[in-house]
Amino acid sequence: MSAITFEAMPPIKAQTERGARHPLHSVFVTVLTVKLLVAAVLVATVSLAPPVSGEHSYVTMASR
């Protein structure tokens, strides 16, 4: 049976160069920002909405 040998690994270097960005990177950032703004508006709208009075059948079932 032969012994398994491994070659020496090259040293790990930190990446100092910034590679080219994906062409759709700006679109991604814009869409993410718009989604966060829409979510913030929806949460604010729900938190400022007045409470809804339920029908008696729903209130009765919830109290049991």
PDB file of N, CA and C in Angstrom:
ATOM      1  N   MET A   1       0.851  -1.170   0.000  1.00  0.00           N
ATOM      2  CA  MET A   1       0.000   0.000   0.000  1.00  0.00           C
ATOM      3  C   MET A   1       0.897   1.233   0.000  1.00  0.00           C
ATOM      4  N   SER A   2       0.606   2.165  -0.878  1.00  0.00           N
ATOM      5  CA  SER A   2       1.459   3.350  -0.974  1.00  0.00           C
ATOM      6  C   SER A   2       0.954   4.450  -0.042  1.00  0.00           C
ATOM      7  N   ALA A   3       1.857   5.253   0.419  1.00  0.00           N
ATOM      8  CA  ALA A   3       1.507   6.351   1.320  1.00  0.00           C
ATOM      9  C   ALA A   3       0.957   7.526   0.507  1.00  0.00           C
ATOM     10  N   ILE A   4      -0.028   8.200   1.085  1.00  0.00           N
ATOM     11  CA  ILE A   4      -0.610   9.369   0.429  1.00  0.00           C
ATOM     12  C   ILE A   4       0.234  10.587   0.800  1.00  0.00           C
ATOM     13  N   THR A   5       0.647  11.312  -0.202  1.00  0.00           N
ATOM     14  CA  THR A   5       1.420  12.527   0.066  1.00  0.00           C
ATOM     15  C   THR A   5       0.671  13.733  -0.470  1.00  0.00           C
ATOM     16  N   PHE A   6       0.845  14.829   0.190  1.00  0.00           N
ATOM     17  CA  PHE A   6       0.193  16.071  -0.204  1.00  0.00           C
ATOM     18  C   PHE A   6       1.261  17.103  -0.518  1.00  0.00           C
ATOM     19  N   GLU A   7       0.973  17.931  -1.494  1.00  0.00           N
ATOM     20  CA  GLU A   7       1.896  19.006  -1.818  1.00  0.00           C
ATOM     21  C   GLU A   7       1.698  20.132  -0.817  1.00  0.00           C
ATOM     22  N   ALA A   8       2.725  20.928  -0.661  1.00  0.00           N
ATOM     23  CA  ALA A   8       2.636  22.069   0.257  1.00  0.00           C
ATOM     24  C   ALA A   8       1.622  23.070  -0.275  1.00  0.00           C
ATOM     25  N   MET A   9       0.801  23.589   0.640  1.00  0.00           N
ATOM     26  CA  MET A   9      -0.196  24.578   0.249  1.00  0.00           C
ATOM     27  C   MET A   9       0.472  25.939   0.097  1.00  0.00           C
ATOM     28  N   PRO A  10       0.051  26.710  -0.871  1.00  0.00           N
ATOM     29  CA  PRO A  10       0.617  28.052  -0.994  1.00  0.00           C
ATOM     30  C   PRO A  10       0.122  28.923   0.171  1.00  0.00           C
ATOM     31  N   PRO A  11       0.884  29.920   0.562  1.00  0.00           N
ATOM     32  CA  PRO A  11       0.450  30.754   1.681  1.00  0.00           C
ATOM     33  C   PRO A  11      -0.811  31.537   1.328  1.00  0.00           C
ATOM     34  N   ILE A  12      -1.644  31.730   2.342  1.00  0.00           N
ATOM     35  CA  ILE A  12      -2.900  32.454   2.152  1.00  0.00           C
ATOM     36  C   ILE A  12      -2.600  33.947   2.233  1.00  0.00           C
ATOM     37  N   LYS A  13      -3.044  34.671   1.228  1.00  0.00           N
ATOM     38  CA  LYS A  13      -2.810  36.106   1.188  1.00  0.00           C
ATOM     39  C   LYS A  13      -4.152  36.830   1.266  1.00  0.00           C
ATOM     40  N   ALA A  14      -4.148  37.946   1.958  1.00  0.00           N
ATOM     41  CA  ALA A  14      -5.357  38.755   2.030  1.00  0.00           C
ATOM     42  C   ALA A  14      -5.579  39.456   0.699  1.00  0.00           C
ATOM     43  N   GLN A  15      -6.837  39.548   0.321  1.00  0.00           N
ATOM     44  CA  GLN A  15      -7.150  40.233  -0.924  1.00  0.00           C
ATOM     45  C   GLN A  15      -7.081  41.726  -0.691  1.00  0.00           C
ATOM     46  N   THR A  16      -6.187  42.373  -1.370  1.00  0.00           N
ATOM     47  CA  THR A  16      -6.079  43.823  -1.246  1.00  0.00           C
ATOM     48  C   THR A  16      -6.745  44.515  -2.421  1.00  0.00           C
ATOM     49  N   GLU A  17      -6.875  43.817  -3.526  1.00  0.00           N
ATOM     50  CA  GLU A  17      -7.518  44.399  -4.691  1.00  0.00           C
ATOM     51  C   GLU A  17      -9.023  44.185  -4.605  1.00  0.00           C
ATOM     52  N   ARG A  18      -9.729  45.191  -5.022  1.00  0.00           N
ATOM     53  CA  ARG A  18     -11.183  45.054  -5.075  1.00  0.00           C
ATOM     54  C   ARG A  18     -11.548  44.694  -6.501  1.00  0.00           C
ATOM     55  N   GLY A  19     -12.154  43.547  -6.649  1.00  0.00           N
ATOM     56  CA  GLY A  19     -12.508  43.089  -7.983  1.00  0.00           C
ATOM     57  C   GLY A  19     -13.620  43.933  -8.578  1.00  0.00           C
ATOM     58  N   ALA A  20     -13.852  43.755  -9.835  1.00  0.00           N
ATOM     59  CA  ALA A  20     -14.920  44.483 -10.513  1.00  0.00           C
ATOM     60  C   ALA A  20     -16.270  44.040  -9.959  1.00  0.00           C
ATOM     61  N   ARG A  21     -17.139  45.016  -9.731  1.00  0.00           N
ATOM     62  CA  ARG A  21     -18.467  44.685  -9.218  1.00  0.00           C
ATOM     63  C   ARG A  21     -19.331  44.113 -10.326  1.00  0.00           C
ATOM     64  N   HIS A  22     -20.316  43.371  -9.899  1.00  0.00           N
ATOM     65  CA  HIS A  22     -21.279  42.811 -10.832  1.00  0.00           C
ATOM     66  C   HIS A  22     -22.035  43.970 -11.490  1.00  0.00           C
ATOM     67  N   PRO A  23     -22.387  43.854 -12.758  1.00  0.00           N
ATOM     68  CA  PRO A  23     -23.073  44.964 -13.433  1.00  0.00           C
ATOM     69  C   PRO A  23     -24.430  45.314 -12.819  1.00  0.00           C
ATOM     70  N   LEU A  24     -25.055  44.371 -12.153  1.00  0.00           N
ATOM     71  CA  LEU A  24     -26.368  44.632 -11.558  1.00  0.00           C
ATOM     72  C   LEU A  24     -26.286  44.967 -10.075  1.00  0.00           C
ATOM     73  N   HIS A  25     -25.097  45.268  -9.580  1.00  0.00           N
ATOM     74  CA  HIS A  25     -24.937  45.568  -8.154  1.00  0.00           C
ATOM     75  C   HIS A  25     -25.756  46.795  -7.750  1.00  0.00           C
ATOM     76  N   SER A  26     -25.732  47.837  -8.549  1.00  0.00           N
ATOM     77  CA  SER A  26     -26.479  49.052  -8.208  1.00  0.00           C
ATOM     78  C   SER A  26     -27.978  48.797  -8.220  1.00  0.00           C
ATOM     79  N   VAL A  27     -28.445  47.943  -9.128  1.00  0.00           N
ATOM     80  CA  VAL A  27     -29.871  47.597  -9.159  1.00  0.00           C
ATOM     81  C   VAL A  27     -30.247  46.840  -7.887  1.00  0.00           C
ATOM     82  N   PHE A  28     -29.388  45.929  -7.464  1.00  0.00           N
ATOM     83  CA  PHE A  28     -29.645  45.163  -6.243  1.00  0.00           C
ATOM     84  C   PHE A  28     -29.743  46.081  -5.028  1.00  0.00           C
ATOM     85  N   VAL A  29     -28.807  47.014  -4.910  1.00  0.00           N
ATOM     86  CA  VAL A  29     -28.811  47.938  -3.773  1.00  0.00           C
ATOM     87  C   VAL A  29     -30.061  48.817  -3.807  1.00  0.00           C
ATOM     88  N   THR A  30     -30.440  49.267  -4.989  1.00  0.00           N
ATOM     89  CA  THR A  30     -31.636  50.103  -5.114  1.00  0.00           C
ATOM     90  C   THR A  30     -32.890  49.332  -4.727  1.00  0.00           C
ATOM     91  N   VAL A  31     -33.016  48.113  -5.212  1.00  0.00           N
ATOM     92  CA  VAL A  31     -34.193  47.301  -4.884  1.00  0.00           C
ATOM     93  C   VAL A  31     -34.238  47.004  -3.394  1.00  0.00           C
ATOM     94  N   LEU A  32     -33.106  46.696  -2.799  1.00  0.00           N
ATOM     95  CA  LEU A  32     -33.071  46.424  -1.363  1.00  0.00           C
ATOM     96  C   LEU A  32     -33.474  47.651  -0.560  1.00  0.00           C
ATOM     97  N   THR A  33     -33.006  48.818  -0.962  1.00  0.00           N
ATOM     98  CA  THR A  33     -33.363  50.056  -0.268  1.00  0.00           C
ATOM     99  C   THR A  33     -34.854  50.343  -0.385  1.00  0.00           C
ATOM    100  N   VAL A  34     -35.406  50.154  -1.569  1.00  0.00           N
ATOM    101  CA  VAL A  34     -36.842  50.398  -1.765  1.00  0.00           C
ATOM    102  C   VAL A  34     -37.666  49.415  -0.943  1.00  0.00           C
ATOM    103  N   LYS A  35     -37.234  48.157  -0.874  1.00  0.00           N
ATOM    104  CA  LYS A  35     -37.965  47.171  -0.068  1.00  0.00           C
ATOM    105  C   LYS A  35     -37.966  47.552   1.404  1.00  0.00           C
ATOM    106  N   LEU A  36     -36.833  48.025   1.898  1.00  0.00           N
ATOM    107  CA  LEU A  36     -36.766  48.441   3.303  1.00  0.00           C
ATOM    108  C   LEU A  36     -37.639  49.659   3.566  1.00  0.00           C
ATOM    109  N   LEU A  37     -37.666  50.602   2.629  1.00  0.00           N
ATOM    110  CA  LEU A  37     -38.523  51.779   2.798  1.00  0.00           C
ATOM    111  C   LEU A  37     -40.003  51.399   2.779  1.00  0.00           C
ATOM    112  N   VAL A  38     -40.388  50.515   1.887  1.00  0.00           N
ATOM    113  CA  VAL A  38     -41.784  50.061   1.827  1.00  0.00           C
ATOM    114  C   VAL A  38     -42.159  49.323   3.106  1.00  0.00           C
ATOM    115  N   ALA A  39     -41.260  48.485   3.604  1.00  0.00           N
ATOM    116  CA  ALA A  39     -41.537  47.757   4.853  1.00  0.00           C
ATOM    117  C   ALA A  39     -41.687  48.736   6.014  1.00  0.00           C
ATOM    118  N   ALA A  40     -40.856  49.774   6.062  1.00  0.00           N
ATOM    119  CA  ALA A  40     -40.956  50.768   7.135  1.00  0.00           C
ATOM    120  C   ALA A  40     -42.273  51.525   7.050  1.00  0.00           C
ATOM    121  N   VAL A  41     -42.697  51.875   5.847  1.00  0.00           N
ATOM    122  CA  VAL A  41     -43.981  52.578   5.681  1.00  0.00           C
ATOM    123  C   VAL A  41     -45.131  51.682   6.096  1.00  0.00           C
ATOM    124  N   LEU A  42     -45.088  50.415   5.722  1.00  0.00           N
ATOM    125  CA  LEU A  42     -46.168  49.497   6.094  1.00  0.00           C
ATOM    126  C   LEU A  42     -46.240  49.279   7.602  1.00  0.00           C
ATOM    127  N   VAL A  43     -45.096  49.133   8.243  1.00  0.00           N
ATOM    128  CA  VAL A  43     -45.091  48.959   9.699  1.00  0.00           C
ATOM    129  C   VAL A  43     -45.604  50.217  10.388  1.00  0.00           C
ATOM    130  N   ALA A  44     -45.204  51.383   9.898  1.00  0.00           N
ATOM    131  CA  ALA A  44     -45.684  52.633  10.485  1.00  0.00           C
ATOM    132  C   ALA A  44     -47.186  52.781  10.289  1.00  0.00           C
ATOM    133  N   THR A  45     -47.683  52.399   9.127  1.00  0.00           N
ATOM    134  CA  THR A  45     -49.116  52.493   8.857  1.00  0.00           C
ATOM    135  C   THR A  45     -49.902  51.573   9.782  1.00  0.00           C
ATOM    136  N   VAL A  46     -49.427  50.373   9.969  1.00  0.00           N
ATOM    137  CA  VAL A  46     -50.133  49.419  10.833  1.00  0.00           C
ATOM    138  C   VAL A  46     -50.078  49.868  12.284  1.00  0.00           C
ATOM    139  N   SER A  47     -48.952  50.405  12.711  1.00  0.00           N
ATOM    140  CA  SER A  47     -48.839  50.799  14.114  1.00  0.00           C
ATOM    141  C   SER A  47     -49.664  52.038  14.423  1.00  0.00           C
ATOM    142  N   LEU A  48     -49.952  52.862  13.419  1.00  0.00           N
ATOM    143  CA  LEU A  48     -50.741  54.070  13.642  1.00  0.00           C
ATOM    144  C   LEU A  48     -52.232  53.857  13.388  1.00  0.00           C
ATOM    145  N   ALA A  49     -52.612  52.702  12.883  1.00  0.00           N
ATOM    146  CA  ALA A  49     -54.017  52.431  12.576  1.00  0.00           C
ATOM    147  C   ALA A  49     -54.817  52.292  13.872  1.00  0.00           C
ATOM    148  N   PRO A  50     -56.057  52.792  13.861  1.00  0.00           N
ATOM    149  CA  PRO A  50     -56.889  52.638  15.063  1.00  0.00           C
ATOM    150  C   PRO A  50     -57.305  51.186  15.237  1.00  0.00           C
ATOM    151  N   PRO A  51     -57.572  50.786  16.463  1.00  0.00           N
ATOM    152  CA  PRO A  51     -57.988  49.395  16.682  1.00  0.00           C
ATOM    153  C   PRO A  51     -59.351  49.128  16.032  1.00  0.00           C
ATOM    154  N   VAL A  52     -59.533  47.918  15.560  1.00  0.00           N
ATOM    155  CA  VAL A  52     -60.777  47.532  14.905  1.00  0.00           C
ATOM    156  C   VAL A  52     -61.653  46.848  15.930  1.00  0.00           C
ATOM    157  N   SER A  53     -62.893  47.284  16.024  1.00  0.00           N
ATOM    158  CA  SER A  53     -63.812  46.621  16.959  1.00  0.00           C
ATOM    159  C   SER A  53     -64.381  45.398  16.260  1.00  0.00           C
ATOM    160  N   GLY A  54     -64.276  44.256  16.927  1.00  0.00           N
ATOM    161  CA  GLY A  54     -64.739  43.007  16.336  1.00  0.00           C
ATOM    162  C   GLY A  54     -66.209  42.782  16.587  1.00  0.00           C
ATOM    163  N   GLU A  55     -66.779  41.854  15.827  1.00  0.00           N
ATOM    164  CA  GLU A  55     -68.176  41.485  16.052  1.00  0.00           C
ATOM    165  C   GLU A  55     -68.278  40.750  17.381  1.00  0.00           C
ATOM    166  N   HIS A  56     -69.492  40.680  17.914  1.00  0.00           N
ATOM    167  CA  HIS A  56     -69.681  40.020  19.209  1.00  0.00           C
ATOM    168  C   HIS A  56     -69.337  38.536  19.154  1.00  0.00           C
ATOM    169  N   SER A  57     -69.555  37.901  18.012  1.00  0.00           N
ATOM    170  CA  SER A  57     -69.258  36.473  17.932  1.00  0.00           C
ATOM    171  C   SER A  57     -67.760  36.228  18.077  1.00  0.00           C
ATOM    172  N   TYR A  58     -66.943  37.109  17.505  1.00  0.00           N
ATOM    173  CA  TYR A  58     -65.499  36.953  17.630  1.00  0.00           C
ATOM    174  C   TYR A  58     -65.035  37.277  19.043  1.00  0.00           C
ATOM    175  N   VAL A  59     -65.611  38.318  19.634  1.00  0.00           N
ATOM    176  CA  VAL A  59     -65.222  38.722  20.973  1.00  0.00           C
ATOM    177  C   VAL A  59     -65.629  37.636  21.972  1.00  0.00           C
ATOM    178  N   THR A  60     -66.803  37.056  21.781  1.00  0.00           N
ATOM    179  CA  THR A  60     -67.273  36.005  22.682  1.00  0.00           C
ATOM    180  C   THR A  60     -66.385  34.786  22.602  1.00  0.00           C
ATOM    181  N   MET A  61     -65.990  34.397  21.408  1.00  0.00           N
ATOM    182  CA  MET A  61     -65.128  33.225  21.254  1.00  0.00           C
ATOM    183  C   MET A  61     -63.742  33.483  21.845  1.00  0.00           C
ATOM    184  N   ALA A  62     -63.248  34.688  21.741  1.00  0.00           N
ATOM    185  CA  ALA A  62     -61.920  35.006  22.247  1.00  0.00           C
ATOM    186  C   ALA A  62     -61.903  35.051  23.767  1.00  0.00           C
ATOM    187  N   SER A  63     -63.034  35.389  24.379  1.00  0.00           N
ATOM    188  CA  SER A  63     -63.057  35.503  25.836  1.00  0.00           C
ATOM    189  C   SER A  63     -63.171  34.153  26.531  1.00  0.00           C
ATOM    190  N   ARG A  64     -63.520  33.097  25.812  1.00  0.00           N
ATOM    191  CA  ARG A  64     -63.674  31.776  26.440  1.00  0.00           C
ATOM    192  C   ARG A  64     -62.380  31.074  26.597  1.00  0.00           C
TER     193      ARG A  64
END
